[in-house]
N, C-alpha and C. Protein backbone atom coordinates (compact mmCIF):
# COMPACT_ATOMS: atom_id res chain seq x y z
N MET A 1 -90.47 70.48 50.75
CA MET A 1 -90.01 71.18 51.96
C MET A 1 -90.38 70.35 53.19
N THR A 2 -89.36 69.94 53.94
CA THR A 2 -89.60 69.18 55.16
C THR A 2 -89.16 70.03 56.34
N VAL A 3 -90.12 70.40 57.17
CA VAL A 3 -89.85 71.23 58.34
C VAL A 3 -90.24 70.46 59.59
N THR A 4 -89.36 70.46 60.57
CA THR A 4 -89.62 69.81 61.85
C THR A 4 -90.08 70.85 62.85
N VAL A 5 -91.19 70.59 63.52
CA VAL A 5 -91.71 71.48 64.56
C VAL A 5 -91.64 70.74 65.89
N ARG A 6 -90.96 71.34 66.85
CA ARG A 6 -90.80 70.67 68.14
C ARG A 6 -90.53 71.68 69.25
N ARG A 7 -90.76 71.22 70.48
CA ARG A 7 -90.49 72.05 71.65
C ARG A 7 -88.99 72.06 71.92
N LEU A 8 -88.47 73.22 72.26
CA LEU A 8 -87.04 73.36 72.55
C LEU A 8 -86.77 73.18 74.04
N ALA A 9 -85.71 72.46 74.34
CA ALA A 9 -85.23 72.38 75.72
C ALA A 9 -84.67 73.75 76.12
N ARG A 10 -84.63 74.01 77.42
CA ARG A 10 -84.13 75.31 77.88
C ARG A 10 -82.70 75.57 77.40
N SER A 11 -81.89 74.53 77.36
CA SER A 11 -80.52 74.71 76.88
C SER A 11 -80.50 75.12 75.41
N GLU A 12 -81.46 74.61 74.62
CA GLU A 12 -81.54 75.00 73.21
C GLU A 12 -81.99 76.45 73.07
N VAL A 13 -82.94 76.86 73.92
CA VAL A 13 -83.39 78.25 73.88
C VAL A 13 -82.22 79.18 74.16
N GLU A 14 -81.44 78.85 75.18
CA GLU A 14 -80.27 79.66 75.51
C GLU A 14 -79.29 79.71 74.34
N ALA A 15 -79.07 78.56 73.72
CA ALA A 15 -78.11 78.50 72.61
C ALA A 15 -78.62 79.21 71.36
N ARG A 16 -79.94 79.31 71.23
CA ARG A 16 -80.55 79.89 70.02
C ARG A 16 -81.07 81.31 70.25
N ILE A 17 -80.72 81.94 71.35
CA ILE A 17 -81.24 83.27 71.66
C ILE A 17 -81.03 84.25 70.51
N ASP A 18 -79.84 84.27 69.95
CA ASP A 18 -79.56 85.21 68.86
C ASP A 18 -80.39 84.89 67.62
N ASP A 19 -80.58 83.60 67.31
CA ASP A 19 -81.41 83.20 66.18
C ASP A 19 -82.86 83.60 66.40
N LEU A 20 -83.36 83.39 67.63
CA LEU A 20 -84.73 83.76 67.95
C LEU A 20 -84.93 85.27 67.87
N ALA A 21 -83.94 86.00 68.36
CA ALA A 21 -84.02 87.47 68.31
C ALA A 21 -84.06 87.96 66.87
N ALA A 22 -83.18 87.41 66.03
CA ALA A 22 -83.13 87.82 64.62
C ALA A 22 -84.44 87.48 63.91
N LEU A 23 -85.03 86.35 64.25
CA LEU A 23 -86.28 85.93 63.63
C LEU A 23 -87.42 86.88 64.01
N ARG A 24 -87.50 87.24 65.28
CA ARG A 24 -88.53 88.19 65.72
C ARG A 24 -88.37 89.54 65.01
N ILE A 25 -87.15 90.02 64.94
CA ILE A 25 -86.90 91.32 64.30
C ILE A 25 -87.30 91.27 62.83
N GLU A 26 -86.95 90.19 62.14
CA GLU A 26 -87.27 90.06 60.72
C GLU A 26 -88.78 90.01 60.47
N VAL A 27 -89.48 89.15 61.19
CA VAL A 27 -90.90 88.95 60.93
C VAL A 27 -91.74 90.14 61.40
N PHE A 28 -91.41 90.67 62.57
CA PHE A 28 -92.21 91.76 63.12
C PHE A 28 -91.94 93.11 62.45
N ARG A 29 -90.98 93.16 61.55
CA ARG A 29 -90.73 94.41 60.83
C ARG A 29 -91.85 94.69 59.83
N ALA A 30 -92.55 93.65 59.42
CA ALA A 30 -93.63 93.79 58.45
C ALA A 30 -94.91 94.27 59.14
N PHE A 31 -95.84 94.78 58.35
CA PHE A 31 -97.16 95.16 58.84
C PHE A 31 -97.87 93.92 59.37
N PRO A 32 -98.61 93.98 60.49
CA PRO A 32 -99.05 95.19 61.18
C PRO A 32 -98.15 95.67 62.32
N TYR A 33 -97.08 94.92 62.64
CA TYR A 33 -96.28 95.33 63.80
C TYR A 33 -95.31 96.46 63.46
N LEU A 34 -94.69 96.39 62.29
CA LEU A 34 -93.78 97.47 61.86
C LEU A 34 -92.73 97.77 62.92
N TYR A 35 -92.24 96.72 63.54
CA TYR A 35 -91.33 96.82 64.68
C TYR A 35 -89.88 97.03 64.22
N ASP A 36 -89.29 98.14 64.64
CA ASP A 36 -87.89 98.40 64.34
C ASP A 36 -87.08 97.83 65.49
N GLY A 37 -86.71 96.56 65.36
CA GLY A 37 -86.18 95.80 66.48
C GLY A 37 -84.74 96.10 66.85
N ASP A 38 -84.42 95.72 68.07
CA ASP A 38 -83.09 95.90 68.63
C ASP A 38 -82.65 94.56 69.21
N ALA A 39 -81.50 94.06 68.78
CA ALA A 39 -81.05 92.72 69.18
C ALA A 39 -80.84 92.61 70.69
N GLY A 40 -80.32 93.66 71.30
CA GLY A 40 -80.09 93.62 72.74
C GLY A 40 -81.38 93.51 73.52
N TYR A 41 -82.38 94.30 73.12
CA TYR A 41 -83.68 94.22 73.77
C TYR A 41 -84.28 92.84 73.58
N GLU A 42 -84.15 92.31 72.37
CA GLU A 42 -84.72 91.01 72.07
C GLU A 42 -84.13 89.91 72.94
N ARG A 43 -82.83 89.94 73.13
CA ARG A 43 -82.19 88.92 73.97
C ARG A 43 -82.73 89.00 75.40
N ASP A 44 -82.90 90.22 75.91
CA ASP A 44 -83.43 90.38 77.27
C ASP A 44 -84.88 89.89 77.35
N TYR A 45 -85.66 90.23 76.34
CA TYR A 45 -87.06 89.81 76.30
C TYR A 45 -87.17 88.28 76.27
N LEU A 46 -86.39 87.67 75.41
CA LEU A 46 -86.47 86.22 75.24
C LEU A 46 -85.92 85.47 76.45
N ALA A 47 -85.09 86.12 77.23
CA ALA A 47 -84.57 85.49 78.45
C ALA A 47 -85.71 85.14 79.40
N THR A 48 -86.86 85.81 79.25
CA THR A 48 -88.05 85.49 80.04
C THR A 48 -88.40 84.01 79.89
N TYR A 49 -88.24 83.51 78.67
CA TYR A 49 -88.63 82.13 78.39
C TYR A 49 -87.57 81.11 78.82
N VAL A 50 -86.48 81.57 79.26
CA VAL A 50 -85.49 80.68 79.87
C VAL A 50 -85.75 80.62 81.37
N LYS A 51 -86.12 81.76 81.96
CA LYS A 51 -86.29 81.85 83.41
C LYS A 51 -87.66 81.42 83.91
N ALA A 52 -88.72 81.67 83.15
CA ALA A 52 -90.07 81.38 83.62
C ALA A 52 -90.30 79.87 83.71
N PRO A 53 -90.71 79.36 84.87
CA PRO A 53 -90.86 77.91 85.06
C PRO A 53 -91.83 77.24 84.09
N GLY A 54 -92.93 77.92 83.76
CA GLY A 54 -93.94 77.27 82.93
C GLY A 54 -93.85 77.61 81.46
N ALA A 55 -92.83 78.34 81.06
CA ALA A 55 -92.74 78.81 79.67
C ALA A 55 -92.29 77.71 78.72
N VAL A 56 -92.74 77.82 77.47
CA VAL A 56 -92.31 76.90 76.41
C VAL A 56 -91.95 77.70 75.17
N VAL A 57 -91.01 77.17 74.42
CA VAL A 57 -90.64 77.73 73.12
C VAL A 57 -90.72 76.59 72.11
N ILE A 58 -91.48 76.83 71.04
CA ILE A 58 -91.61 75.85 69.97
C ILE A 58 -90.80 76.36 68.78
N GLY A 59 -89.99 75.49 68.20
CA GLY A 59 -89.19 75.89 67.06
C GLY A 59 -89.58 75.14 65.80
N ALA A 60 -89.43 75.79 64.66
CA ALA A 60 -89.63 75.15 63.35
C ALA A 60 -88.27 75.15 62.65
N PHE A 61 -87.83 73.98 62.23
CA PHE A 61 -86.49 73.84 61.67
C PHE A 61 -86.54 73.25 60.27
N ASP A 62 -85.84 73.92 59.36
CA ASP A 62 -85.58 73.38 58.04
C ASP A 62 -84.13 72.92 58.08
N GLY A 63 -83.94 71.63 58.29
CA GLY A 63 -82.60 71.14 58.60
C GLY A 63 -82.18 71.68 59.94
N GLU A 64 -81.05 72.38 59.98
CA GLU A 64 -80.58 73.00 61.22
C GLU A 64 -81.00 74.45 61.35
N ALA A 65 -81.58 74.99 60.30
CA ALA A 65 -81.94 76.42 60.29
C ALA A 65 -83.27 76.64 60.99
N LEU A 66 -83.29 77.59 61.92
CA LEU A 66 -84.51 77.97 62.61
C LEU A 66 -85.30 78.91 61.70
N VAL A 67 -86.48 78.48 61.26
CA VAL A 67 -87.26 79.29 60.32
C VAL A 67 -88.55 79.83 60.95
N GLY A 68 -88.85 79.39 62.16
CA GLY A 68 -90.04 79.87 62.84
C GLY A 68 -89.99 79.53 64.31
N ALA A 69 -90.78 80.24 65.10
CA ALA A 69 -90.81 79.97 66.54
C ALA A 69 -92.11 80.50 67.13
N ALA A 70 -92.53 79.89 68.22
CA ALA A 70 -93.71 80.34 68.95
C ALA A 70 -93.41 80.17 70.43
N THR A 71 -93.93 81.09 71.25
CA THR A 71 -93.67 81.06 72.68
C THR A 71 -94.98 81.10 73.46
N ALA A 72 -94.92 80.64 74.69
CA ALA A 72 -96.08 80.70 75.58
C ALA A 72 -95.61 80.54 77.01
N SER A 73 -96.42 81.05 77.94
CA SER A 73 -96.13 80.90 79.36
C SER A 73 -97.39 81.21 80.15
N PRO A 74 -97.46 80.77 81.40
CA PRO A 74 -98.56 81.23 82.24
C PRO A 74 -98.60 82.76 82.24
N LEU A 75 -99.79 83.33 82.19
CA LEU A 75 -99.91 84.78 82.11
C LEU A 75 -99.21 85.48 83.26
N GLY A 76 -99.24 84.87 84.43
CA GLY A 76 -98.59 85.47 85.60
C GLY A 76 -97.08 85.53 85.49
N GLU A 77 -96.50 84.78 84.54
CA GLU A 77 -95.05 84.77 84.36
C GLU A 77 -94.63 85.67 83.20
N HIS A 78 -95.62 86.27 82.52
CA HIS A 78 -95.32 87.10 81.36
C HIS A 78 -95.19 88.56 81.79
N HIS A 79 -94.91 89.43 80.83
CA HIS A 79 -94.72 90.86 81.13
C HIS A 79 -96.00 91.45 81.72
N GLY A 80 -95.84 92.30 82.72
CA GLY A 80 -96.95 92.83 83.48
C GLY A 80 -97.98 93.57 82.67
N GLU A 81 -97.56 94.23 81.58
CA GLU A 81 -98.51 94.98 80.76
C GLU A 81 -99.62 94.10 80.21
N PHE A 82 -99.31 92.84 79.98
CA PHE A 82 -100.29 91.95 79.37
C PHE A 82 -101.22 91.33 80.41
N ALA A 83 -100.77 91.23 81.64
CA ALA A 83 -101.61 90.67 82.71
C ALA A 83 -102.51 91.72 83.35
N ALA A 84 -102.08 92.99 83.34
CA ALA A 84 -102.80 94.04 84.06
C ALA A 84 -104.27 94.16 83.69
N PRO A 85 -104.67 94.11 82.41
CA PRO A 85 -106.09 94.25 82.09
C PRO A 85 -106.96 93.16 82.71
N PHE A 86 -106.39 91.98 82.90
CA PHE A 86 -107.14 90.88 83.51
C PHE A 86 -107.36 91.16 85.00
N SER A 87 -106.28 91.56 85.66
CA SER A 87 -106.39 91.89 87.09
C SER A 87 -107.36 93.03 87.31
N GLU A 88 -107.33 94.03 86.44
CA GLU A 88 -108.21 95.19 86.58
C GLU A 88 -109.68 94.81 86.43
N ARG A 89 -109.95 93.71 85.73
CA ARG A 89 -111.32 93.22 85.57
C ARG A 89 -111.71 92.25 86.68
N GLY A 90 -110.79 92.00 87.61
CA GLY A 90 -111.07 91.06 88.68
C GLY A 90 -110.88 89.61 88.28
N LEU A 91 -110.19 89.39 87.15
CA LEU A 91 -109.93 88.04 86.69
C LEU A 91 -108.62 87.54 87.28
N ASP A 92 -108.55 86.27 87.60
CA ASP A 92 -107.36 85.67 88.19
C ASP A 92 -106.36 85.37 87.07
N ILE A 93 -105.24 86.05 87.05
CA ILE A 93 -104.27 85.84 85.97
C ILE A 93 -103.72 84.42 85.96
N ASP A 94 -103.81 83.74 87.09
CA ASP A 94 -103.31 82.37 87.15
C ASP A 94 -104.21 81.37 86.43
N ASP A 95 -105.34 81.85 85.91
CA ASP A 95 -106.25 80.98 85.15
C ASP A 95 -105.90 80.94 83.67
N PHE A 96 -104.95 81.77 83.24
CA PHE A 96 -104.72 81.94 81.81
C PHE A 96 -103.30 81.55 81.39
N PHE A 97 -103.24 80.86 80.25
CA PHE A 97 -101.97 80.51 79.62
C PHE A 97 -101.81 81.46 78.43
N TYR A 98 -100.73 82.21 78.43
CA TYR A 98 -100.56 83.30 77.45
C TYR A 98 -99.64 82.88 76.31
N PHE A 99 -100.12 83.06 75.08
CA PHE A 99 -99.31 82.82 73.90
C PHE A 99 -98.59 84.11 73.54
N GLY A 100 -97.27 84.06 73.49
CA GLY A 100 -96.49 85.22 73.08
C GLY A 100 -96.49 85.31 71.56
N GLU A 101 -95.32 85.34 70.97
CA GLU A 101 -95.24 85.50 69.53
C GLU A 101 -95.38 84.18 68.79
N SER A 102 -95.74 84.30 67.52
CA SER A 102 -95.72 83.21 66.57
C SER A 102 -95.12 83.80 65.31
N VAL A 103 -93.87 83.49 65.05
CA VAL A 103 -93.15 84.12 63.93
C VAL A 103 -92.63 83.04 62.98
N LEU A 104 -92.78 83.31 61.70
CA LEU A 104 -92.40 82.33 60.69
C LEU A 104 -91.92 83.08 59.45
N LYS A 105 -90.80 82.65 58.91
CA LYS A 105 -90.27 83.27 57.70
C LYS A 105 -91.30 83.16 56.57
N ALA A 106 -91.34 84.19 55.73
CA ALA A 106 -92.40 84.31 54.72
C ALA A 106 -92.51 83.10 53.81
N GLY A 107 -91.40 82.53 53.39
CA GLY A 107 -91.43 81.42 52.45
C GLY A 107 -92.01 80.13 53.00
N TYR A 108 -92.25 80.07 54.30
CA TYR A 108 -92.75 78.85 54.94
C TYR A 108 -94.21 78.97 55.37
N ARG A 109 -94.83 80.09 55.08
CA ARG A 109 -96.22 80.30 55.50
C ARG A 109 -97.19 79.56 54.58
N GLY A 110 -98.34 79.22 55.13
CA GLY A 110 -99.35 78.51 54.35
C GLY A 110 -99.09 77.03 54.21
N THR A 111 -98.19 76.49 55.04
CA THR A 111 -97.83 75.06 54.94
C THR A 111 -98.27 74.27 56.16
N GLY A 112 -99.04 74.91 57.07
CA GLY A 112 -99.52 74.20 58.25
C GLY A 112 -98.67 74.40 59.50
N ILE A 113 -97.56 75.12 59.38
CA ILE A 113 -96.69 75.31 60.53
C ILE A 113 -97.36 76.18 61.59
N GLY A 114 -98.09 77.21 61.16
CA GLY A 114 -98.80 78.06 62.10
C GLY A 114 -99.81 77.27 62.93
N VAL A 115 -100.50 76.32 62.29
CA VAL A 115 -101.44 75.46 63.01
C VAL A 115 -100.69 74.63 64.05
N ARG A 116 -99.55 74.09 63.66
CA ARG A 116 -98.74 73.30 64.60
C ARG A 116 -98.31 74.14 65.80
N PHE A 117 -97.97 75.40 65.56
CA PHE A 117 -97.59 76.27 66.67
C PHE A 117 -98.72 76.38 67.69
N PHE A 118 -99.95 76.53 67.21
CA PHE A 118 -101.09 76.60 68.13
C PHE A 118 -101.30 75.26 68.83
N GLU A 119 -101.22 74.17 68.09
CA GLU A 119 -101.42 72.85 68.70
C GLU A 119 -100.40 72.57 69.79
N GLU A 120 -99.15 72.89 69.54
CA GLU A 120 -98.10 72.61 70.52
C GLU A 120 -98.25 73.47 71.77
N ARG A 121 -98.66 74.74 71.60
CA ARG A 121 -98.84 75.59 72.77
C ARG A 121 -100.08 75.20 73.55
N GLU A 122 -101.13 74.77 72.87
CA GLU A 122 -102.32 74.28 73.56
C GLU A 122 -101.99 73.00 74.33
N ARG A 123 -101.17 72.16 73.75
CA ARG A 123 -100.75 70.95 74.45
C ARG A 123 -99.99 71.31 75.73
N ALA A 124 -99.12 72.30 75.65
CA ALA A 124 -98.38 72.74 76.84
C ALA A 124 -99.34 73.29 77.89
N ALA A 125 -100.38 74.01 77.45
CA ALA A 125 -101.36 74.55 78.39
C ALA A 125 -102.08 73.42 79.11
N ARG A 126 -102.49 72.40 78.38
CA ARG A 126 -103.19 71.27 78.99
C ARG A 126 -102.27 70.53 79.97
N GLU A 127 -101.02 70.38 79.60
CA GLU A 127 -100.07 69.70 80.48
C GLU A 127 -99.96 70.41 81.83
N GLN A 128 -100.15 71.73 81.81
CA GLN A 128 -100.06 72.52 83.04
C GLN A 128 -101.45 72.83 83.62
N ASN A 129 -102.47 72.11 83.12
CA ASN A 129 -103.84 72.20 83.64
C ASN A 129 -104.49 73.57 83.46
N PHE A 130 -104.17 74.24 82.36
CA PHE A 130 -104.85 75.48 82.02
C PHE A 130 -106.01 75.17 81.08
N ALA A 131 -107.13 75.82 81.30
CA ALA A 131 -108.30 75.65 80.45
C ALA A 131 -108.55 76.86 79.57
N LYS A 132 -107.75 77.92 79.75
CA LYS A 132 -107.97 79.16 78.99
C LYS A 132 -106.64 79.62 78.39
N CYS A 133 -106.62 79.72 77.07
CA CYS A 133 -105.44 80.23 76.36
C CYS A 133 -105.78 81.60 75.79
N VAL A 134 -104.88 82.54 75.95
CA VAL A 134 -105.10 83.89 75.44
C VAL A 134 -103.85 84.38 74.71
N PHE A 135 -104.07 85.31 73.80
CA PHE A 135 -102.95 86.01 73.17
C PHE A 135 -103.42 87.41 72.82
N SER A 136 -102.47 88.28 72.52
CA SER A 136 -102.81 89.64 72.14
C SER A 136 -102.31 89.92 70.73
N ALA A 137 -102.91 90.91 70.10
CA ALA A 137 -102.53 91.30 68.74
C ALA A 137 -102.67 92.81 68.60
N VAL A 138 -101.75 93.41 67.87
CA VAL A 138 -101.78 94.86 67.69
C VAL A 138 -102.99 95.27 66.85
N VAL A 139 -103.54 96.41 67.18
CA VAL A 139 -104.66 96.97 66.42
C VAL A 139 -104.15 98.14 65.60
N ARG A 140 -104.28 98.05 64.29
CA ARG A 140 -103.88 99.13 63.39
C ARG A 140 -105.11 99.63 62.63
N PRO A 141 -105.21 100.93 62.37
CA PRO A 141 -106.36 101.43 61.62
C PRO A 141 -106.36 100.91 60.18
N ALA A 142 -107.56 100.74 59.64
CA ALA A 142 -107.69 100.21 58.28
C ALA A 142 -107.02 101.10 57.25
N ASP A 143 -106.91 102.40 57.56
CA ASP A 143 -106.30 103.33 56.60
C ASP A 143 -104.85 103.66 56.94
N HIS A 144 -104.20 102.77 57.69
CA HIS A 144 -102.80 103.01 58.05
C HIS A 144 -101.97 103.17 56.76
N PRO A 145 -101.12 104.19 56.69
CA PRO A 145 -100.39 104.45 55.44
C PRO A 145 -99.42 103.35 55.03
N MET A 146 -99.02 102.48 55.96
CA MET A 146 -98.08 101.41 55.61
C MET A 146 -98.76 100.05 55.45
N ARG A 147 -100.07 100.06 55.44
CA ARG A 147 -100.82 98.81 55.25
C ARG A 147 -100.71 98.37 53.79
N PRO A 148 -100.17 97.18 53.52
CA PRO A 148 -100.07 96.71 52.13
C PRO A 148 -101.45 96.50 51.50
N GLY A 149 -101.55 96.71 50.22
CA GLY A 149 -102.82 96.54 49.54
C GLY A 149 -103.35 95.12 49.60
N ASP A 150 -102.44 94.12 49.69
CA ASP A 150 -102.87 92.72 49.71
C ASP A 150 -102.87 92.13 51.12
N TYR A 151 -102.81 92.99 52.14
CA TYR A 151 -102.76 92.51 53.52
C TYR A 151 -104.07 91.81 53.91
N VAL A 152 -103.95 90.61 54.51
CA VAL A 152 -105.10 89.86 55.00
C VAL A 152 -104.93 89.65 56.50
N PRO A 153 -105.81 90.21 57.33
CA PRO A 153 -105.70 90.01 58.79
C PRO A 153 -105.80 88.52 59.14
N LEU A 154 -105.27 88.15 60.28
CA LEU A 154 -105.28 86.76 60.70
C LEU A 154 -106.53 86.37 61.48
N ASP A 155 -107.48 87.28 61.60
CA ASP A 155 -108.69 87.00 62.38
C ASP A 155 -109.36 85.69 61.96
N GLY A 156 -109.48 85.46 60.67
CA GLY A 156 -110.14 84.25 60.18
C GLY A 156 -109.39 82.99 60.59
N PHE A 157 -108.07 83.04 60.52
CA PHE A 157 -107.25 81.89 60.94
C PHE A 157 -107.44 81.62 62.42
N TRP A 158 -107.44 82.68 63.23
CA TRP A 158 -107.60 82.51 64.68
C TRP A 158 -108.97 81.95 65.01
N ARG A 159 -110.01 82.44 64.35
CA ARG A 159 -111.37 81.93 64.61
C ARG A 159 -111.47 80.45 64.22
N LYS A 160 -110.82 80.08 63.14
CA LYS A 160 -110.84 78.68 62.71
C LYS A 160 -110.17 77.79 63.74
N ARG A 161 -109.22 78.33 64.48
CA ARG A 161 -108.56 77.57 65.54
C ARG A 161 -109.37 77.56 66.84
N GLY A 162 -110.53 78.24 66.84
CA GLY A 162 -111.40 78.23 68.01
C GLY A 162 -111.27 79.42 68.93
N TYR A 163 -110.59 80.46 68.48
CA TYR A 163 -110.38 81.65 69.32
C TYR A 163 -111.41 82.72 68.99
N ARG A 164 -111.71 83.55 69.98
CA ARG A 164 -112.63 84.67 69.79
C ARG A 164 -112.04 85.90 70.48
N ARG A 165 -112.36 87.05 69.92
CA ARG A 165 -111.90 88.31 70.50
C ARG A 165 -112.62 88.57 71.82
N ILE A 166 -111.88 89.04 72.83
CA ILE A 166 -112.49 89.43 74.10
C ILE A 166 -112.88 90.89 73.98
N GLU A 167 -114.14 91.14 73.82
CA GLU A 167 -114.60 92.50 73.60
C GLU A 167 -114.32 93.39 74.81
N GLY A 168 -113.77 94.55 74.55
CA GLY A 168 -113.55 95.53 75.60
C GLY A 168 -112.28 95.34 76.42
N LEU A 169 -111.52 94.27 76.14
CA LEU A 169 -110.28 94.03 76.89
C LEU A 169 -109.10 94.47 76.03
N GLU A 170 -108.31 95.40 76.54
CA GLU A 170 -107.24 95.99 75.76
C GLU A 170 -106.08 96.38 76.66
N THR A 171 -104.89 96.32 76.11
CA THR A 171 -103.72 96.87 76.79
C THR A 171 -102.96 97.72 75.78
N HIS A 172 -101.88 98.32 76.24
CA HIS A 172 -101.02 99.12 75.34
C HIS A 172 -99.57 98.69 75.55
N TYR A 173 -98.85 98.59 74.45
CA TYR A 173 -97.44 98.19 74.52
C TYR A 173 -96.65 99.11 73.60
N SER A 174 -95.45 99.43 74.01
CA SER A 174 -94.68 100.44 73.30
C SER A 174 -93.49 99.85 72.54
N TRP A 175 -93.32 100.29 71.30
CA TRP A 175 -92.11 99.99 70.55
C TRP A 175 -91.93 101.06 69.47
N ARG A 176 -90.76 101.08 68.86
CA ARG A 176 -90.50 102.04 67.80
C ARG A 176 -90.87 101.45 66.45
N ASP A 177 -91.73 102.15 65.74
CA ASP A 177 -92.12 101.71 64.40
C ASP A 177 -90.98 101.95 63.41
N VAL A 178 -91.00 101.19 62.34
CA VAL A 178 -90.08 101.42 61.23
C VAL A 178 -90.26 102.85 60.73
N GLY A 179 -89.16 103.59 60.65
CA GLY A 179 -89.20 104.96 60.16
C GLY A 179 -89.51 106.00 61.22
N ALA A 180 -89.78 105.57 62.45
CA ALA A 180 -90.10 106.52 63.52
C ALA A 180 -88.85 106.86 64.32
N ASP A 181 -88.84 108.03 64.94
CA ASP A 181 -87.71 108.45 65.75
C ASP A 181 -87.80 107.94 67.18
N GLU A 182 -89.01 107.75 67.67
CA GLU A 182 -89.20 107.35 69.06
C GLU A 182 -90.24 106.24 69.15
N ALA A 183 -90.22 105.54 70.28
CA ALA A 183 -91.22 104.51 70.54
C ALA A 183 -92.57 105.17 70.82
N SER A 184 -93.63 104.46 70.53
CA SER A 184 -94.98 104.94 70.82
C SER A 184 -95.85 103.76 71.23
N GLU A 185 -96.87 104.04 72.05
CA GLU A 185 -97.76 102.99 72.51
C GLU A 185 -98.74 102.58 71.41
N LYS A 186 -99.01 101.27 71.36
CA LYS A 186 -100.00 100.74 70.43
C LYS A 186 -101.07 99.99 71.21
N PRO A 187 -102.33 100.09 70.77
CA PRO A 187 -103.38 99.30 71.41
C PRO A 187 -103.25 97.83 71.01
N MET A 188 -103.48 96.95 71.99
CA MET A 188 -103.41 95.51 71.76
C MET A 188 -104.72 94.88 72.22
N GLU A 189 -105.36 94.10 71.34
CA GLU A 189 -106.58 93.40 71.71
C GLU A 189 -106.25 91.96 72.11
N TYR A 190 -107.20 91.30 72.78
CA TYR A 190 -106.99 89.93 73.26
C TYR A 190 -107.96 88.95 72.61
N TRP A 191 -107.45 87.74 72.40
CA TRP A 191 -108.24 86.63 71.89
C TRP A 191 -108.13 85.47 72.88
N ILE A 192 -109.20 84.65 72.97
CA ILE A 192 -109.23 83.58 73.96
C ILE A 192 -109.84 82.31 73.38
N LYS A 193 -109.37 81.19 73.91
CA LYS A 193 -109.97 79.88 73.64
C LYS A 193 -110.06 79.14 74.97
N GLU A 194 -111.19 78.53 75.22
CA GLU A 194 -111.38 77.76 76.44
C GLU A 194 -111.65 76.30 76.05
N PHE A 195 -111.08 75.38 76.81
CA PHE A 195 -111.32 73.97 76.52
C PHE A 195 -111.35 73.17 77.81
N ASP A 196 -111.82 71.96 77.70
CA ASP A 196 -111.98 71.05 78.83
C ASP A 196 -110.66 70.33 79.07
N THR A 197 -110.10 70.49 80.25
CA THR A 197 -108.82 69.82 80.56
C THR A 197 -109.01 68.47 81.21
N SER A 198 -110.26 68.03 81.37
CA SER A 198 -110.51 66.76 82.07
C SER A 198 -110.35 65.55 81.15
N THR A 199 -110.24 65.80 79.83
CA THR A 199 -110.13 64.69 78.89
C THR A 199 -108.70 64.46 78.48
């Protein structure tokens, strides 16, 4: 399996909006997100990464097929729900580079592509002189009825990449779960990595 991981030009992001939307819907349908996605909403959401000056989209390609993607942008350019907890703590949102999603088709996991997604987004952060990278992750109870028996949280992978949970920092984001009639808010925790941008 030969997969190419690279940053997409804005014109490519625009051309691949439908592919990116379908990929998000497919991957996030699984636990822990259980997201019952909508293509129209996805296109609007992803348009953020076309308009935001500091945003980047990383794609993973098997030939011409898009099999994975990761996004990032300055926190101040991302959706307000994710920046608000920082402002409420008196933290300057302009100090943080925010990692959005990292989605990869199941058959391509465990091959190092997820590591590349982090490396490429950290490189983008350094290029823009950010020393702090953050991302959020949904919090689901251990006894959630849709939790698969073989589910392994990604905490260990994130810690291996140098990230740590920010204790006490939380936001809420709303979407409709698979099998639900209406959207509901979910708690989201934050993880951070700090590095020296002088080297």
